[in-house]
Amino acid sequence: MSDLTNRQLKLAARPVGLPKPSDFTLETAPVRAPGEGEVVVKAIYASLDPAMRGWMSDARSYLPPVGLGEVMRALVAGRVVESRHPALKPGDYVTGSTGLQEYAVVDGAQLTKVDVRAAPLAKHMGVLGMPGLTAYFGLLDVGALKEGETVVISGAAGAVGTVAGQIAKIMGCRVVGIAGGPDKCRFVVDELGFDACIDYRAEDVHKRLRELCPGRIDVYFDNVGGDILDAALANLNRNGRVVLCGAISQYNATEGVKGPKNYLSLLVNRGRMQGFIVFDFMARYPEAITRMAGWLEEGRLKGREDIAEGGLEAYCDVFARLFSGGNTGKLILRIADDEPA
């Protein structure tokens, strides 16, 4: 590996508000040879997720923060180029948390081998990857979804929201999405099969929820927090469940997080609001992937990947799309053009 040079995007400062290029440094280093049990992975795609903003902050969370001077944490899909792990060989495609760098030398046990014959590599970053798993367990386990219920999904055109709404339809539910702009609303209704979608930029969300959910909301899958969470709480049904997946409207707040004002709806309606982290269900990932892959093959589940070009240099600009509504589906940054044909 002495002939390979790695480029790494490292966190240089704790961002205030939206991350900017000066919060990172791009450094080079030689790629060392793998030790026993290790592999060298060439990154092809990096997953861009709202959770990354939390990892940049020096605050208590479900994972320790990325340290200053460390490679920025990211889930990556790539190709094994050298291996000293018995279960992985050069040419295998894998996913794992190898960070924003062109090459990574990692313990092979930390990687997941993926079948690119069953689905393109990018699908393993989206519908068959962490977003799909998050939607699956969030709805079916945390949300305790039942056939015939009314489900509302915020961030409906995002990586998790697109899958969550489709799973709810597969389970026989009525599904209302909330998204930003007419194009995204048309996409989730016309292409993904949602029953309706509210454009939060142009419509009164509270009023439209009342109109579209006359029997009120049984499960609200929250990806955004803020005012939209309040509107959903105000329209919650008896024994309704609120699944706290994310709060993208709050991640770059500089004056403190805005909490829900309508939380007493949980008391009045005997409701439940529960947060979760997809890693809690790691032992059951194969179950979920097998089931969703079946739906994908049957055409009942679709995945949409929004693949951005530009490599590591483009990270900040592309990452910002998550907070401006500039992406539809799973946002992915291409690190190298090396996907199998």
C-alpha atoms as a PDB file:
ATOM      1  CA  MET A   1       0.000   0.000   0.000  1.00  0.00           C
ATOM      2  CA  SER A   2       3.050   2.275  -0.002  1.00  0.00           C
ATOM      3  CA  ASP A   3       2.052   3.585  -3.437  1.00  0.00           C
ATOM      4  CA  LEU A   4      -1.362   4.821  -2.229  1.00  0.00           C
ATOM      5  CA  THR A   5      -1.943   8.249  -0.754  1.00  0.00           C
ATOM      6  CA  ASN A   6      -5.001   8.902   1.367  1.00  0.00           C
ATOM      7  CA  ARG A   7      -6.921  12.162   1.585  1.00  0.00           C
ATOM      8  CA  GLN A   8      -8.876  12.750   4.788  1.00  0.00           C
ATOM      9  CA  LEU A   9     -11.424  15.406   5.763  1.00  0.00           C
ATOM     10  CA  LYS A  10     -10.819  16.255   9.421  1.00  0.00           C
ATOM     11  CA  LEU A  11     -12.845  18.330  11.864  1.00  0.00           C
ATOM     12  CA  ALA A  12     -10.859  21.475  12.668  1.00  0.00           C
ATOM     13  CA  ALA A  13     -13.416  23.479  14.713  1.00  0.00           C
ATOM     14  CA  ARG A  14     -16.793  23.049  16.374  1.00  0.00           C
ATOM     15  CA  PRO A  15     -19.327  24.612  13.970  1.00  0.00           C
ATOM     16  CA  VAL A  16     -21.601  27.422  15.117  1.00  0.00           C
ATOM     17  CA  GLY A  17     -24.810  27.143  13.137  1.00  0.00           C
ATOM     18  CA  LEU A  18     -24.438  25.557   9.712  1.00  0.00           C
ATOM     19  CA  PRO A  19     -20.969  24.008   9.200  1.00  0.00           C
ATOM     20  CA  LYS A  20     -18.634  25.950   6.903  1.00  0.00           C
ATOM     21  CA  PRO A  21     -15.477  24.925   5.010  1.00  0.00           C
ATOM     22  CA  SER A  22     -13.170  26.519   7.605  1.00  0.00           C
ATOM     23  CA  ASP A  23     -14.493  24.011  10.176  1.00  0.00           C
ATOM     24  CA  PHE A  24     -12.588  21.278   8.298  1.00  0.00           C
ATOM     25  CA  THR A  25      -9.146  20.578   6.903  1.00  0.00           C
ATOM     26  CA  LEU A  26      -8.264  18.304   3.995  1.00  0.00           C
ATOM     27  CA  GLU A  27      -5.053  16.410   4.718  1.00  0.00           C
ATOM     28  CA  THR A  28      -3.006  13.734   2.997  1.00  0.00           C
ATOM     29  CA  ALA A  29      -1.263  10.705   4.461  1.00  0.00           C
ATOM     30  CA  PRO A  30       0.184   7.439   3.139  1.00  0.00           C
ATOM     31  CA  VAL A  31      -2.001   4.351   3.353  1.00  0.00           C
ATOM     32  CA  ARG A  32      -0.428   1.820   5.714  1.00  0.00           C
ATOM     33  CA  ALA A  33      -0.498  -1.905   5.111  1.00  0.00           C
ATOM     34  CA  PRO A  34      -3.316  -3.759   6.888  1.00  0.00           C
ATOM     35  CA  GLY A  35      -2.581  -5.786   9.991  1.00  0.00           C
ATOM     36  CA  GLU A  36      -3.979  -9.193  10.874  1.00  0.00           C
ATOM     37  CA  GLY A  37      -7.775  -9.114  10.529  1.00  0.00           C
ATOM     38  CA  GLU A  38      -7.743  -5.721   8.798  1.00  0.00           C
ATOM     39  CA  VAL A  39      -8.694  -4.609   5.291  1.00  0.00           C
ATOM     40  CA  VAL A  40      -8.050  -1.565   3.132  1.00  0.00           C
ATOM     41  CA  VAL A  41     -11.274  -0.057   1.771  1.00  0.00           C
ATOM     42  CA  LYS A  42     -11.473   2.393  -1.097  1.00  0.00           C
ATOM     43  CA  ALA A  43     -14.425   4.721  -0.495  1.00  0.00           C
ATOM     44  CA  ILE A  44     -16.916   5.100  -3.345  1.00  0.00           C
ATOM     45  CA  TYR A  45     -19.888   6.740  -1.623  1.00  0.00           C
ATOM     46  CA  ALA A  46     -20.294   8.608   1.654  1.00  0.00           C
ATOM     47  CA  SER A  47     -23.690   8.868   3.303  1.00  0.00           C
ATOM     48  CA  LEU A  48     -24.642  12.426   4.258  1.00  0.00           C
ATOM     49  CA  ASP A  49     -27.017  12.430   7.212  1.00  0.00           C
ATOM     50  CA  PRO A  50     -28.454  15.101   9.528  1.00  0.00           C
ATOM     51  CA  ALA A  51     -26.985  13.192  12.487  1.00  0.00           C
ATOM     52  CA  MET A  52     -23.534  14.314  11.357  1.00  0.00           C
ATOM     53  CA  ARG A  53     -24.305  17.799  12.636  1.00  0.00           C
ATOM     54  CA  GLY A  54     -24.719  16.421  16.148  1.00  0.00           C
ATOM     55  CA  TRP A  55     -21.477  14.442  15.898  1.00  0.00           C
ATOM     56  CA  MET A  56     -19.616  17.714  15.257  1.00  0.00           C
ATOM     57  CA  SER A  57     -20.798  19.197  18.554  1.00  0.00           C
ATOM     58  CA  ASP A  58     -19.089  18.599  21.885  1.00  0.00           C
ATOM     59  CA  ALA A  59     -22.277  17.467  23.582  1.00  0.00           C
ATOM     60  CA  ARG A  60     -23.456  14.264  25.226  1.00  0.00           C
ATOM     61  CA  SER A  61     -25.179  11.988  22.751  1.00  0.00           C
ATOM     62  CA  TYR A  62     -25.591   8.332  21.796  1.00  0.00           C
ATOM     63  CA  LEU A  63     -22.094   8.442  20.249  1.00  0.00           C
ATOM     64  CA  PRO A  64     -19.065  10.415  21.426  1.00  0.00           C
ATOM     65  CA  PRO A  65     -18.417  13.581  19.410  1.00  0.00           C
ATOM     66  CA  VAL A  66     -15.875  13.602  16.623  1.00  0.00           C
ATOM     67  CA  GLY A  67     -12.669  14.952  18.157  1.00  0.00           C
ATOM     68  CA  LEU A  68     -10.911  17.980  16.759  1.00  0.00           C
ATOM     69  CA  GLY A  69      -8.251  16.788  14.353  1.00  0.00           C
ATOM     70  CA  GLU A  70     -10.076  13.489  13.742  1.00  0.00           C
ATOM     71  CA  VAL A  71     -11.464  12.230  10.441  1.00  0.00           C
ATOM     72  CA  MET A  72     -15.119  13.250  10.156  1.00  0.00           C
ATOM     73  CA  ARG A  73     -17.359  10.296  10.969  1.00  0.00           C
ATOM     74  CA  ALA A  74     -19.445   8.972   8.068  1.00  0.00           C
ATOM     75  CA  LEU A  75     -21.006   5.770   6.828  1.00  0.00           C
ATOM     76  CA  VAL A  76     -19.245   4.753   3.625  1.00  0.00           C
ATOM     77  CA  ALA A  77     -19.749   2.224   0.857  1.00  0.00           C
ATOM     78  CA  GLY A  78     -16.623   1.046  -0.885  1.00  0.00           C
ATOM     79  CA  ARG A  79     -14.482  -1.715  -2.353  1.00  0.00           C
ATOM     80  CA  VAL A  80     -11.919  -3.859  -0.569  1.00  0.00           C
ATOM     81  CA  VAL A  81      -8.520  -3.369  -2.223  1.00  0.00           C
ATOM     82  CA  GLU A  82      -6.375  -5.402   0.192  1.00  0.00           C
ATOM     83  CA  SER A  83      -7.386  -7.853   2.895  1.00  0.00           C
ATOM     84  CA  ARG A  84      -5.978  -9.814   5.796  1.00  0.00           C
ATOM     85  CA  HIS A  85      -9.457 -10.789   6.998  1.00  0.00           C
ATOM     86  CA  PRO A  86     -10.635 -14.327   6.223  1.00  0.00           C
ATOM     87  CA  ALA A  87     -14.190 -13.340   5.248  1.00  0.00           C
ATOM     88  CA  LEU A  88     -13.292 -10.476   2.906  1.00  0.00           C
ATOM     89  CA  LYS A  89     -11.256 -10.456  -0.281  1.00  0.00           C
ATOM     90  CA  PRO A  90     -10.140  -7.771  -2.734  1.00  0.00           C
ATOM     91  CA  GLY A  91     -13.038  -6.804  -4.980  1.00  0.00           C
ATOM     92  CA  ASP A  92     -15.697  -7.295  -2.302  1.00  0.00           C
ATOM     93  CA  TYR A  93     -18.058  -4.374  -1.722  1.00  0.00           C
ATOM     94  CA  VAL A  94     -18.739  -3.322   1.853  1.00  0.00           C
ATOM     95  CA  THR A  95     -20.360  -0.667   4.001  1.00  0.00           C
ATOM     96  CA  GLY A  96     -19.122   0.644   7.314  1.00  0.00           C
ATOM     97  CA  SER A  97     -18.353   3.713   9.381  1.00  0.00           C
ATOM     98  CA  THR A  98     -14.954   4.419   7.872  1.00  0.00           C
ATOM     99  CA  GLY A  99     -15.189   8.220   7.761  1.00  0.00           C
ATOM    100  CA  LEU A 100     -14.698  10.915   5.152  1.00  0.00           C
ATOM    101  CA  GLN A 101     -11.491   9.677   3.586  1.00  0.00           C
ATOM    102  CA  GLU A 102     -10.556   8.080   0.295  1.00  0.00           C
ATOM    103  CA  TYR A 103      -9.017   4.966   1.877  1.00  0.00           C
ATOM    104  CA  ALA A 104      -9.504   3.402   5.295  1.00  0.00           C
ATOM    105  CA  VAL A 105      -7.609   0.628   7.062  1.00  0.00           C
ATOM    106  CA  VAL A 106     -10.122  -0.988   9.410  1.00  0.00           C
ATOM    107  CA  ASP A 107     -10.950  -4.170  11.278  1.00  0.00           C
ATOM    108  CA  GLY A 108     -12.857  -6.319   8.802  1.00  0.00           C
ATOM    109  CA  ALA A 109     -15.307  -7.311  11.541  1.00  0.00           C
ATOM    110  CA  GLN A 110     -16.618  -3.720  11.533  1.00  0.00           C
ATOM    111  CA  LEU A 111     -17.696  -3.940   7.896  1.00  0.00           C
ATOM    112  CA  THR A 112     -20.791  -5.387   6.235  1.00  0.00           C
ATOM    113  CA  LYS A 113     -20.353  -7.186   2.937  1.00  0.00           C
ATOM    114  CA  VAL A 114     -23.083  -6.258   0.443  1.00  0.00           C
ATOM    115  CA  ASP A 115     -24.371  -8.024  -2.644  1.00  0.00           C
ATOM    116  CA  VAL A 116     -24.192  -5.569  -5.542  1.00  0.00           C
ATOM    117  CA  ARG A 117     -25.823  -8.146  -7.822  1.00  0.00           C
ATOM    118  CA  ALA A 118     -29.030  -7.967  -5.781  1.00  0.00           C
ATOM    119  CA  ALA A 119     -29.129  -4.152  -5.725  1.00  0.00           C
ATOM    120  CA  PRO A 120     -26.809  -1.328  -6.848  1.00  0.00           C
ATOM    121  CA  LEU A 121     -24.262  -0.196  -4.279  1.00  0.00           C
ATOM    122  CA  ALA A 122     -26.064   3.108  -3.694  1.00  0.00           C
ATOM    123  CA  LYS A 123     -29.216   1.223  -2.614  1.00  0.00           C
ATOM    124  CA  HIS A 124     -27.194  -0.216   0.278  1.00  0.00           C
ATOM    125  CA  MET A 125     -26.713   3.366   1.494  1.00  0.00           C
ATOM    126  CA  GLY A 126     -30.404   4.177   1.315  1.00  0.00           C
ATOM    127  CA  VAL A 127     -33.413   1.912   1.219  1.00  0.00           C
ATOM    128  CA  LEU A 128     -31.358  -1.176   2.187  1.00  0.00           C
ATOM    129  CA  GLY A 129     -29.036   0.776   4.467  1.00  0.00           C
ATOM    130  CA  MET A 130     -29.286   2.873   7.600  1.00  0.00           C
ATOM    131  CA  PRO A 131     -32.224   5.066   6.427  1.00  0.00           C
ATOM    132  CA  GLY A 132     -34.288   2.035   5.463  1.00  0.00           C
ATOM    133  CA  LEU A 133     -33.485   0.280   8.727  1.00  0.00           C
ATOM    134  CA  THR A 134     -34.386   3.421  10.659  1.00  0.00           C
ATOM    135  CA  ALA A 135     -37.766   3.632   8.923  1.00  0.00           C
ATOM    136  CA  TYR A 136     -38.441  -0.072   9.403  1.00  0.00           C
ATOM    137  CA  PHE A 137     -37.764  -0.299  13.128  1.00  0.00           C
ATOM    138  CA  GLY A 138     -39.074   3.174  13.873  1.00  0.00           C
ATOM    139  CA  LEU A 139     -42.471   2.430  12.406  1.00  0.00           C
ATOM    140  CA  LEU A 140     -42.961  -1.244  13.191  1.00  0.00           C
ATOM    141  CA  ASP A 141     -41.312  -1.505  16.615  1.00  0.00           C
ATOM    142  CA  VAL A 142     -41.275   1.963  18.169  1.00  0.00           C
ATOM    143  CA  GLY A 143     -44.464   3.113  16.455  1.00  0.00           C
ATOM    144  CA  ALA A 144     -46.194  -0.260  16.914  1.00  0.00           C
ATOM    145  CA  LEU A 145     -47.950   0.283  13.577  1.00  0.00           C
ATOM    146  CA  LYS A 146     -51.268  -1.470  12.963  1.00  0.00           C
ATOM    147  CA  GLU A 147     -53.153  -2.063   9.737  1.00  0.00           C
ATOM    148  CA  GLY A 148     -55.725   0.617   8.931  1.00  0.00           C
ATOM    149  CA  GLU A 149     -54.136   3.376  10.993  1.00  0.00           C
ATOM    150  CA  THR A 150     -53.458   6.944   9.866  1.00  0.00           C
ATOM    151  CA  VAL A 151     -49.755   7.738   9.658  1.00  0.00           C
ATOM    152  CA  VAL A 152     -48.132  11.140   9.169  1.00  0.00           C
ATOM    153  CA  ILE A 153     -44.492  11.412   8.059  1.00  0.00           C
ATOM    154  CA  SER A 154     -42.545  14.670   8.235  1.00  0.00           C
ATOM    155  CA  GLY A 155     -39.463  15.004   6.060  1.00  0.00           C
ATOM    156  CA  ALA A 156     -41.449  12.777   3.717  1.00  0.00           C
ATOM    157  CA  ALA A 157     -39.153  13.300   0.722  1.00  0.00           C
ATOM    158  CA  GLY A 158     -35.984  12.580   2.696  1.00  0.00           C
ATOM    159  CA  ALA A 159     -33.986   9.388   3.019  1.00  0.00           C
ATOM    160  CA  VAL A 160     -35.912   7.995   5.995  1.00  0.00           C
ATOM    161  CA  GLY A 161     -39.275   9.572   5.243  1.00  0.00           C
ATOM    162  CA  THR A 162     -39.576   8.119   1.750  1.00  0.00           C
ATOM    163  CA  VAL A 163     -39.065   4.595   3.076  1.00  0.00           C
ATOM    164  CA  ALA A 164     -41.226   5.069   6.179  1.00  0.00           C
ATOM    165  CA  GLY A 165     -44.217   6.184   4.130  1.00  0.00           C
ATOM    166  CA  GLN A 166     -43.913   3.268   1.736  1.00  0.00           C
ATOM    167  CA  ILE A 167     -43.643   0.753   4.570  1.00  0.00           C
ATOM    168  CA  ALA A 168     -46.772   2.226   6.139  1.00  0.00           C
ATOM    169  CA  LYS A 169     -48.614   1.778   2.833  1.00  0.00           C
ATOM    170  CA  ILE A 170     -47.370  -1.813   2.554  1.00  0.00           C
ATOM    171  CA  MET A 171     -48.776  -2.376   6.055  1.00  0.00           C
ATOM    172  CA  GLY A 172     -52.208  -1.174   4.904  1.00  0.00           C
ATOM    173  CA  CYS A 173     -52.240   2.291   6.433  1.00  0.00           C
ATOM    174  CA  ARG A 174     -53.372   5.720   5.228  1.00  0.00           C
ATOM    175  CA  VAL A 175     -50.268   7.883   4.838  1.00  0.00           C
ATOM    176  CA  VAL A 176     -49.954  11.664   4.778  1.00  0.00           C
ATOM    177  CA  GLY A 177     -46.550  13.194   4.127  1.00  0.00           C
ATOM    178  CA  ILE A 178     -45.200  16.634   4.944  1.00  0.00           C
ATOM    179  CA  ALA A 179     -42.523  18.019   2.611  1.00  0.00           C
ATOM    180  CA  GLY A 180     -41.170  21.301   1.281  1.00  0.00           C
ATOM    181  CA  GLY A 181     -42.349  22.397  -2.149  1.00  0.00           C
ATOM    182  CA  PRO A 182     -44.798  21.137  -4.789  1.00  0.00           C
ATOM    183  CA  ASP A 183     -42.233  18.964  -6.576  1.00  0.00           C
ATOM    184  CA  LYS A 184     -41.464  16.953  -3.456  1.00  0.00           C
ATOM    185  CA  CYS A 185     -45.140  16.629  -2.605  1.00  0.00           C
ATOM    186  CA  ARG A 186     -45.904  15.335  -6.103  1.00  0.00           C
ATOM    187  CA  PHE A 187     -42.992  12.913  -5.847  1.00  0.00           C
ATOM    188  CA  VAL A 188     -44.166  11.240  -2.635  1.00  0.00           C
ATOM    189  CA  VAL A 189     -47.775  10.994  -3.842  1.00  0.00           C
ATOM    190  CA  ASP A 190     -47.332  10.142  -7.527  1.00  0.00           C
ATOM    191  CA  GLU A 191     -44.187   7.997  -7.335  1.00  0.00           C
ATOM    192  CA  LEU A 192     -44.179   6.581  -3.810  1.00  0.00           C
ATOM    193  CA  GLY A 193     -47.912   6.146  -3.315  1.00  0.00           C
ATOM    194  CA  PHE A 194     -48.583   8.364  -0.284  1.00  0.00           C
ATOM    195  CA  ASP A 195     -52.280   9.246   0.009  1.00  0.00           C
ATOM    196  CA  ALA A 196     -51.586  12.969   0.368  1.00  0.00           C
ATOM    197  CA  CYS A 197     -48.780  15.414   1.088  1.00  0.00           C
ATOM    198  CA  ILE A 198     -48.735  18.828   2.769  1.00  0.00           C
ATOM    199  CA  ASP A 199     -46.383  21.521   1.487  1.00  0.00           C
ATOM    200  CA  TYR A 200     -45.232  23.109   4.746  1.00  0.00           C
ATOM    201  CA  ARG A 201     -43.785  26.071   2.851  1.00  0.00           C
ATOM    202  CA  ALA A 202     -47.091  27.066   1.300  1.00  0.00           C
ATOM    203  CA  GLU A 203     -49.812  25.544   3.498  1.00  0.00           C
ATOM    204  CA  ASP A 204     -51.016  25.792   7.077  1.00  0.00           C
ATOM    205  CA  VAL A 205     -49.811  22.420   8.404  1.00  0.00           C
ATOM    206  CA  HIS A 206     -52.113  22.368  11.430  1.00  0.00           C
ATOM    207  CA  LYS A 207     -55.194  23.133   9.304  1.00  0.00           C
ATOM    208  CA  ARG A 208     -54.278  20.660   6.584  1.00  0.00           C
ATOM    209  CA  LEU A 209     -53.672  17.880   9.100  1.00  0.00           C
ATOM    210  CA  ARG A 210     -57.179  18.415  10.420  1.00  0.00           C
ATOM    211  CA  GLU A 211     -58.583  18.208   6.884  1.00  0.00           C
ATOM    212  CA  LEU A 212     -56.531  15.208   5.722  1.00  0.00           C
ATOM    213  CA  CYS A 213     -56.722  13.248   8.981  1.00  0.00           C
ATOM    214  CA  PRO A 214     -60.367  13.605  10.084  1.00  0.00           C
ATOM    215  CA  GLY A 215     -59.960  10.614  12.392  1.00  0.00           C
ATOM    216  CA  ARG A 216     -56.770  12.190  13.772  1.00  0.00           C
ATOM    217  CA  ILE A 217     -53.210  10.811  13.724  1.00  0.00           C
ATOM    218  CA  ASP A 218     -52.423   7.338  15.057  1.00  0.00           C
ATOM    219  CA  VAL A 219     -48.673   7.393  14.344  1.00  0.00           C
ATOM    220  CA  TYR A 220     -46.580  10.483  13.695  1.00  0.00           C
ATOM    221  CA  PHE A 221     -43.052   9.766  12.453  1.00  0.00           C
ATOM    222  CA  ASP A 222     -41.063  12.902  13.241  1.00  0.00           C
ATOM    223  CA  ASN A 223     -37.957  13.846  11.305  1.00  0.00           C
ATOM    224  CA  VAL A 224     -38.037  17.617  11.777  1.00  0.00           C
ATOM    225  CA  GLY A 225     -39.239  18.738  15.239  1.00  0.00           C
ATOM    226  CA  GLY A 226     -40.228  22.353  15.861  1.00  0.00           C
ATOM    227  CA  ASP A 227     -43.576  23.755  14.743  1.00  0.00           C
ATOM    228  CA  ILE A 228     -44.478  20.701  12.681  1.00  0.00           C
ATOM    229  CA  LEU A 229     -44.126  18.442  15.722  1.00  0.00           C
ATOM    230  CA  ASP A 230     -46.466  20.805  17.589  1.00  0.00           C
ATOM    231  CA  ALA A 231     -49.026  20.628  14.773  1.00  0.00           C
ATOM    232  CA  ALA A 232     -48.933  16.821  14.821  1.00  0.00           C
ATOM    233  CA  LEU A 233     -49.313  16.697  18.608  1.00  0.00           C
ATOM    234  CA  ALA A 234     -52.373  18.945  18.347  1.00  0.00           C
ATOM    235  CA  ASN A 235     -53.968  16.399  15.994  1.00  0.00           C
ATOM    236  CA  LEU A 236     -52.990  13.220  17.827  1.00  0.00           C
ATOM    237  CA  ASN A 237     -55.547  10.442  18.224  1.00  0.00           C
ATOM    238  CA  ARG A 238     -56.381   8.562  21.414  1.00  0.00           C
ATOM    239  CA  ASN A 239     -53.463   6.222  22.167  1.00  0.00           C
ATOM    240  CA  GLY A 240     -51.473   7.868  19.379  1.00  0.00           C
ATOM    241  CA  ARG A 241     -47.729   7.334  19.113  1.00  0.00           C
ATOM    242  CA  VAL A 242     -45.062   9.866  18.198  1.00  0.00           C
ATOM    243  CA  VAL A 243     -41.820   8.354  16.900  1.00  0.00           C
ATOM    244  CA  LEU A 244     -38.894  10.724  17.443  1.00  0.00           C
ATOM    245  CA  CYS A 245     -36.425   9.949  14.679  1.00  0.00           C
ATOM    246  CA  GLY A 246     -34.855  13.370  14.148  1.00  0.00           C
ATOM    247  CA  ALA A 247     -35.287  17.119  14.503  1.00  0.00           C
ATOM    248  CA  ILE A 248     -33.555  18.614  11.503  1.00  0.00           C
ATOM    249  CA  SER A 249     -35.173  22.013  12.034  1.00  0.00           C
ATOM    250  CA  GLN A 250     -33.237  22.336  15.303  1.00  0.00           C
ATOM    251  CA  TYR A 251     -29.753  20.965  14.556  1.00  0.00           C
ATOM    252  CA  ASN A 252     -28.192  24.296  13.598  1.00  0.00           C
ATOM    253  CA  ALA A 253     -29.983  26.357  16.251  1.00  0.00           C
ATOM    254  CA  THR A 254     -27.710  28.875  17.962  1.00  0.00           C
ATOM    255  CA  GLU A 255     -30.181  29.955  20.658  1.00  0.00           C
ATOM    256  CA  GLY A 256     -31.208  26.608  22.105  1.00  0.00           C
ATOM    257  CA  VAL A 257     -33.502  23.843  20.912  1.00  0.00           C
ATOM    258  CA  LYS A 258     -37.196  24.656  20.623  1.00  0.00           C
ATOM    259  CA  GLY A 259     -39.183  22.016  22.468  1.00  0.00           C
ATOM    260  CA  PRO A 260     -42.802  20.970  21.884  1.00  0.00           C
ATOM    261  CA  LYS A 261     -45.484  23.320  23.219  1.00  0.00           C
ATOM    262  CA  ASN A 262     -48.328  20.864  22.729  1.00  0.00           C
ATOM    263  CA  TYR A 263     -46.907  18.007  24.779  1.00  0.00           C
ATOM    264  CA  LEU A 264     -50.004  17.919  27.005  1.00  0.00           C
ATOM    265  CA  SER A 265     -51.781  16.284  24.071  1.00  0.00           C
ATOM    266  CA  LEU A 266     -49.908  13.144  25.124  1.00  0.00           C
ATOM    267  CA  LEU A 267     -51.608  13.306  28.501  1.00  0.00           C
ATOM    268  CA  VAL A 268     -55.085  14.093  27.207  1.00  0.00           C
ATOM    269  CA  ASN A 269     -54.928  11.428  24.492  1.00  0.00           C
ATOM    270  CA  ARG A 270     -53.010   8.822  26.520  1.00  0.00           C
ATOM    271  CA  GLY A 271     -50.347   9.099  23.854  1.00  0.00           C
ATOM    272  CA  ARG A 272     -46.725   8.068  23.799  1.00  0.00           C
ATOM    273  CA  MET A 273     -43.692   9.896  22.418  1.00  0.00           C
ATOM    274  CA  GLN A 274     -40.511   7.852  22.155  1.00  0.00           C
ATOM    275  CA  GLY A 275     -37.083   8.462  20.709  1.00  0.00           C
ATOM    276  CA  PHE A 276     -34.897   5.700  19.341  1.00  0.00           C
ATOM    277  CA  ILE A 277     -31.548   5.014  17.727  1.00  0.00           C
ATOM    278  CA  VAL A 278     -31.386   2.449  14.940  1.00  0.00           C
ATOM    279  CA  PHE A 279     -28.245   0.885  16.482  1.00  0.00           C
ATOM    280  CA  ASP A 280     -30.526  -0.445  19.241  1.00  0.00           C
ATOM    281  CA  PHE A 281     -31.848  -2.977  16.704  1.00  0.00           C
ATOM    282  CA  MET A 282     -28.504  -4.077  15.257  1.00  0.00           C
ATOM    283  CA  ALA A 283     -29.071  -7.748  16.019  1.00  0.00           C
ATOM    284  CA  ARG A 284     -32.167  -7.677  13.816  1.00  0.00           C
ATOM    285  CA  TYR A 285     -30.685  -5.889  10.789  1.00  0.00           C
ATOM    286  CA  PRO A 286     -30.616  -9.076   8.651  1.00  0.00           C
ATOM    287  CA  GLU A 287     -34.337  -9.621   9.270  1.00  0.00           C
ATOM    288  CA  ALA A 288     -35.198  -6.109   8.125  1.00  0.00           C
ATOM    289  CA  ILE A 289     -32.873  -6.111   5.100  1.00  0.00           C
ATOM    290  CA  THR A 290     -34.218  -9.465   3.893  1.00  0.00           C
ATOM    291  CA  ARG A 291     -37.802  -8.280   4.192  1.00  0.00           C
ATOM    292  CA  MET A 292     -37.179  -4.926   2.506  1.00  0.00           C
ATOM    293  CA  ALA A 293     -35.124  -6.512  -0.261  1.00  0.00           C
ATOM    294  CA  GLY A 294     -38.141  -8.704  -0.984  1.00  0.00           C
ATOM    295  CA  TRP A 295     -40.402  -5.664  -1.198  1.00  0.00           C
ATOM    296  CA  LEU A 296     -37.852  -3.975  -3.462  1.00  0.00           C
ATOM    297  CA  GLU A 297     -37.742  -6.971  -5.789  1.00  0.00           C
ATOM    298  CA  GLU A 298     -41.538  -7.115  -5.889  1.00  0.00           C
ATOM    299  CA  GLY A 299     -41.726  -3.438  -6.825  1.00  0.00           C
ATOM    300  CA  ARG A 300     -43.625  -2.543  -3.655  1.00  0.00           C
ATOM    301  CA  LEU A 301     -40.740  -0.490  -2.265  1.00  0.00           C
ATOM    302  CA  LYS A 302     -38.690   2.094  -4.151  1.00  0.00           C
ATOM    303  CA  GLY A 303     -35.466   3.822  -3.262  1.00  0.00           C
ATOM    304  CA  ARG A 304     -34.286   7.157  -4.580  1.00  0.00           C
ATOM    305  CA  GLU A 305     -30.677   8.232  -4.278  1.00  0.00           C
ATOM    306  CA  ASP A 306     -29.568  11.829  -4.737  1.00  0.00           C
ATOM    307  CA  ILE A 307     -25.896  11.375  -5.645  1.00  0.00           C
ATOM    308  CA  ALA A 308     -23.763  14.512  -5.524  1.00  0.00           C
ATOM    309  CA  GLU A 309     -20.428  14.881  -7.265  1.00  0.00           C
ATOM    310  CA  GLY A 310     -17.325  16.765  -6.183  1.00  0.00           C
ATOM    311  CA  GLY A 311     -15.571  14.440  -3.760  1.00  0.00           C
ATOM    312  CA  LEU A 312     -14.375  15.452  -0.311  1.00  0.00           C
ATOM    313  CA  GLU A 313     -13.942  19.107  -1.341  1.00  0.00           C
ATOM    314  CA  ALA A 314     -17.684  19.394  -1.908  1.00  0.00           C
ATOM    315  CA  TYR A 315     -18.709  18.038   1.497  1.00  0.00           C
ATOM    316  CA  CYS A 316     -19.816  21.281   3.177  1.00  0.00           C
ATOM    317  CA  ASP A 317     -21.824  22.557   0.231  1.00  0.00           C
ATOM    318  CA  VAL A 318     -23.526  19.217  -0.332  1.00  0.00           C
ATOM    319  CA  PHE A 319     -24.173  18.622   3.380  1.00  0.00           C
ATOM    320  CA  ALA A 320     -25.965  21.992   3.579  1.00  0.00           C
ATOM    321  CA  ARG A 321     -28.620  20.677   1.180  1.00  0.00           C
ATOM    322  CA  LEU A 322     -30.032  18.586   4.013  1.00  0.00           C
ATOM    323  CA  PHE A 323     -31.011  21.749   5.880  1.00  0.00           C
ATOM    324  CA  SER A 324     -32.236  23.792   2.908  1.00  0.00           C
ATOM    325  CA  GLY A 325     -34.424  21.056   1.453  1.00  0.00           C
ATOM    326  CA  GLY A 326     -32.099  20.759  -1.524  1.00  0.00           C
ATOM    327  CA  ASN A 327     -32.221  16.980  -1.771  1.00  0.00           C
ATOM    328  CA  THR A 328     -34.880  14.400  -2.567  1.00  0.00           C
ATOM    329  CA  GLY A 329     -34.354  10.900  -1.217  1.00  0.00           C
ATOM    330  CA  LYS A 330     -31.038   9.665   0.155  1.00  0.00           C
ATOM    331  CA  LEU A 331     -28.247  12.239  -0.144  1.00  0.00           C
ATOM    332  CA  ILE A 332     -24.934  10.614  -1.061  1.00  0.00           C
ATOM    333  CA  LEU A 333     -21.548  12.134  -1.872  1.00  0.00           C
ATOM    334  CA  ARG A 334     -19.505  10.346  -4.508  1.00  0.00           C
ATOM    335  CA  ILE A 335     -15.906   9.948  -3.349  1.00  0.00           C
ATOM    336  CA  ALA A 336     -14.670   7.856  -6.284  1.00  0.00           C
ATOM    337  CA  ASP A 337     -16.092   6.590  -9.570  1.00  0.00           C
ATOM    338  CA  ASP A 338     -15.622   2.900  -8.903  1.00  0.00           C
ATOM    339  CA  GLU A 339     -19.095   1.349  -8.659  1.00  0.00           C
ATOM    340  CA  PRO A 340     -19.556  -2.048 -10.325  1.00  0.00           C
ATOM    341  CA  ALA A 341     -21.237  -1.986 -13.733  1.00  0.00           C
END
